C-alpha atoms as a PDB file:
ATOM      1  CA  UNK A   1      -0.435  -9.872  -6.683  1.00  0.00           C
ATOM      2  CA  UNK A   2       1.335  -6.473  -7.089  1.00  0.00           C
ATOM      3  CA  UNK A   3       0.551  -2.786  -6.906  1.00  0.00           C
ATOM      4  CA  UNK A   4      -1.129  -1.454 -10.036  1.00  0.00           C
ATOM      5  CA  UNK A   5       1.005   0.558 -12.435  1.00  0.00           C
ATOM      6  CA  UNK A   6       0.215   4.269 -12.809  1.00  0.00           C
ATOM      7  CA  UNK A   7      -0.139   5.247  -9.159  1.00  0.00           C
ATOM      8  CA  UNK A   8       2.373   7.157  -7.012  1.00  0.00           C
ATOM      9  CA  UNK A   9       2.520   8.489  -3.506  1.00  0.00           C
ATOM     10  CA  UNK A  10       2.566  12.232  -3.169  1.00  0.00           C
ATOM     11  CA  UNK A  11       2.762  14.417  -0.040  1.00  0.00           C
ATOM     12  CA  UNK A  12      -0.062  16.866  -0.210  1.00  0.00           C
ATOM     13  CA  UNK A  13      -0.592  19.252   2.662  1.00  0.00           C
ATOM     14  CA  UNK A  14       1.363  17.000   5.037  1.00  0.00           C
ATOM     15  CA  UNK A  15      -0.572  13.834   4.031  1.00  0.00           C
ATOM     16  CA  UNK A  16       0.820  10.941   2.005  1.00  0.00           C
ATOM     17  CA  UNK A  17      -1.837  10.203  -0.637  1.00  0.00           C
ATOM     18  CA  UNK A  18      -2.011   7.963  -3.586  1.00  0.00           C
ATOM     19  CA  UNK A  19      -2.580   9.777  -6.995  1.00  0.00           C
ATOM     20  CA  UNK A  20      -3.090   8.488 -10.481  1.00  0.00           C
ATOM     21  CA  UNK A  21      -0.258   9.634 -12.795  1.00  0.00           C
ATOM     22  CA  UNK A  22      -1.334  11.113 -16.085  1.00  0.00           C
ATOM     23  CA  UNK A  23      -5.009  10.567 -15.805  1.00  0.00           C
ATOM     24  CA  UNK A  24      -7.534  13.261 -16.511  1.00  0.00           C
ATOM     25  CA  UNK A  25     -10.865  13.543 -14.854  1.00  0.00           C
ATOM     26  CA  UNK A  26      -9.775  11.570 -11.776  1.00  0.00           C
ATOM     27  CA  UNK A  27     -12.462  11.192  -9.056  1.00  0.00           C
ATOM     28  CA  UNK A  28     -11.001  13.293  -6.243  1.00  0.00           C
ATOM     29  CA  UNK A  29     -13.786  12.354  -3.825  1.00  0.00           C
ATOM     30  CA  UNK A  30     -11.941   9.090  -3.277  1.00  0.00           C
ATOM     31  CA  UNK A  31      -8.660  10.071  -1.673  1.00  0.00           C
ATOM     32  CA  UNK A  32      -6.436   7.366  -0.209  1.00  0.00           C
ATOM     33  CA  UNK A  33      -4.166   8.489   2.612  1.00  0.00           C
ATOM     34  CA  UNK A  34      -1.314   6.308   3.783  1.00  0.00           C
ATOM     35  CA  UNK A  35       0.304   6.094   7.255  1.00  0.00           C
ATOM     36  CA  UNK A  36       4.158   5.848   7.353  1.00  0.00           C
ATOM     37  CA  UNK A  37       4.169   2.028   7.484  1.00  0.00           C
ATOM     38  CA  UNK A  38       1.919   1.884   4.412  1.00  0.00           C
ATOM     39  CA  UNK A  39       4.196   4.284   2.580  1.00  0.00           C
ATOM     40  CA  UNK A  40       7.217   2.132   3.526  1.00  0.00           C
ATOM     41  CA  UNK A  41       5.521  -1.083   2.306  1.00  0.00           C
ATOM     42  CA  UNK A  42       4.358   0.597  -0.983  1.00  0.00           C
ATOM     43  CA  UNK A  43       7.910   1.796  -1.651  1.00  0.00           C
ATOM     44  CA  UNK A  44       9.542  -1.429  -0.567  1.00  0.00           C
ATOM     45  CA  UNK A  45       7.320  -3.632  -2.742  1.00  0.00           C
ATOM     46  CA  UNK A  46       7.318  -1.396  -5.775  1.00  0.00           C
ATOM     47  CA  UNK A  47       6.361  -3.480  -8.871  1.00  0.00           C
ATOM     48  CA  UNK A  48       7.269  -6.905  -7.355  1.00  0.00           C
ATOM     49  CA  UNK A  49       4.899  -9.721  -6.672  1.00  0.00           C
ATOM     50  CA  UNK A  50       3.848 -10.142  -2.983  1.00  0.00           C
ATOM     51  CA  UNK A  51       1.434 -11.880  -0.737  1.00  0.00           C
ATOM     52  CA  UNK A  52       0.472 -11.551   2.933  1.00  0.00           C
ATOM     53  CA  UNK A  53       3.346 -13.815   4.003  1.00  0.00           C
ATOM     54  CA  UNK A  54       5.939 -11.658   2.222  1.00  0.00           C
ATOM     55  CA  UNK A  55       4.452  -8.491   3.736  1.00  0.00           C
ATOM     56  CA  UNK A  56       4.424 -10.067   7.254  1.00  0.00           C
ATOM     57  CA  UNK A  57       8.017 -10.985   6.883  1.00  0.00           C
ATOM     58  CA  UNK A  58       8.934  -7.385   6.094  1.00  0.00           C
ATOM     59  CA  UNK A  59       6.944  -6.188   9.041  1.00  0.00           C
ATOM     60  CA  UNK A  60       8.531  -8.636  11.446  1.00  0.00           C
ATOM     61  CA  UNK A  61      12.053  -7.879  10.215  1.00  0.00           C
ATOM     62  CA  UNK A  62      11.622  -4.089  10.457  1.00  0.00           C
ATOM     63  CA  UNK A  63       9.208  -3.452  13.240  1.00  0.00           C
ATOM     64  CA  UNK A  64       8.749  -4.779  16.800  1.00  0.00           C
ATOM     65  CA  UNK A  65       5.768  -6.965  15.962  1.00  0.00           C
ATOM     66  CA  UNK A  66       4.996 -10.681  16.347  1.00  0.00           C
ATOM     67  CA  UNK A  67       4.178 -12.909  13.361  1.00  0.00           C
ATOM     68  CA  UNK A  68       0.430 -13.242  14.129  1.00  0.00           C
ATOM     69  CA  UNK A  69       0.025  -9.511  14.360  1.00  0.00           C
ATOM     70  CA  UNK A  70       2.115  -8.981  11.226  1.00  0.00           C
ATOM     71  CA  UNK A  71       0.069 -11.464   9.183  1.00  0.00           C
ATOM     72  CA  UNK A  72      -3.224  -9.842  10.377  1.00  0.00           C
ATOM     73  CA  UNK A  73      -1.843  -6.398   9.434  1.00  0.00           C
ATOM     74  CA  UNK A  74      -0.578  -7.635   6.104  1.00  0.00           C
ATOM     75  CA  UNK A  75      -4.006  -9.070   5.250  1.00  0.00           C
ATOM     76  CA  UNK A  76      -5.727  -5.836   6.341  1.00  0.00           C
ATOM     77  CA  UNK A  77      -3.312  -3.818   4.141  1.00  0.00           C
ATOM     78  CA  UNK A  78      -4.057  -6.026   1.159  1.00  0.00           C
ATOM     79  CA  UNK A  79      -7.708  -5.807   1.775  1.00  0.00           C
ATOM     80  CA  UNK A  80      -7.539  -1.942   1.772  1.00  0.00           C
ATOM     81  CA  UNK A  81      -5.562  -1.907  -1.443  1.00  0.00           C
ATOM     82  CA  UNK A  82      -7.976  -4.330  -3.015  1.00  0.00           C
ATOM     83  CA  UNK A  83     -10.975  -2.259  -1.938  1.00  0.00           C
ATOM     84  CA  UNK A  84      -9.354   0.833  -3.417  1.00  0.00           C
ATOM     85  CA  UNK A  85      -8.712  -1.152  -6.720  1.00  0.00           C
ATOM     86  CA  UNK A  86      -4.897  -0.592  -6.462  1.00  0.00           C
ATOM     87  CA  UNK A  87      -3.860  -4.235  -6.941  1.00  0.00           C
ATOM     88  CA  UNK A  88      -3.161  -6.312 -10.005  1.00  0.00           C
ATOM     89  CA  UNK A  89      -4.045  -9.897  -9.158  1.00  0.00           C
END
């Protein structure tokens, strides 16, 4: 899977949010805000293919987190992106 093309992170009023680039009549009632780790993952993964294992490896190598916690966090992150329809699978 990978992050859908056409979405970017923008800082709006101090919040990192995902916005659709170049789309008119976007539903602004569904705003997706990202914490710093989510922003880092989004930027790190860009347009490349990934899965929960790859994400967990990034988390383990860059944060003080054990593998079990990292895989659970990776799966939760993927689930959130999937729910927001931000993944190409």
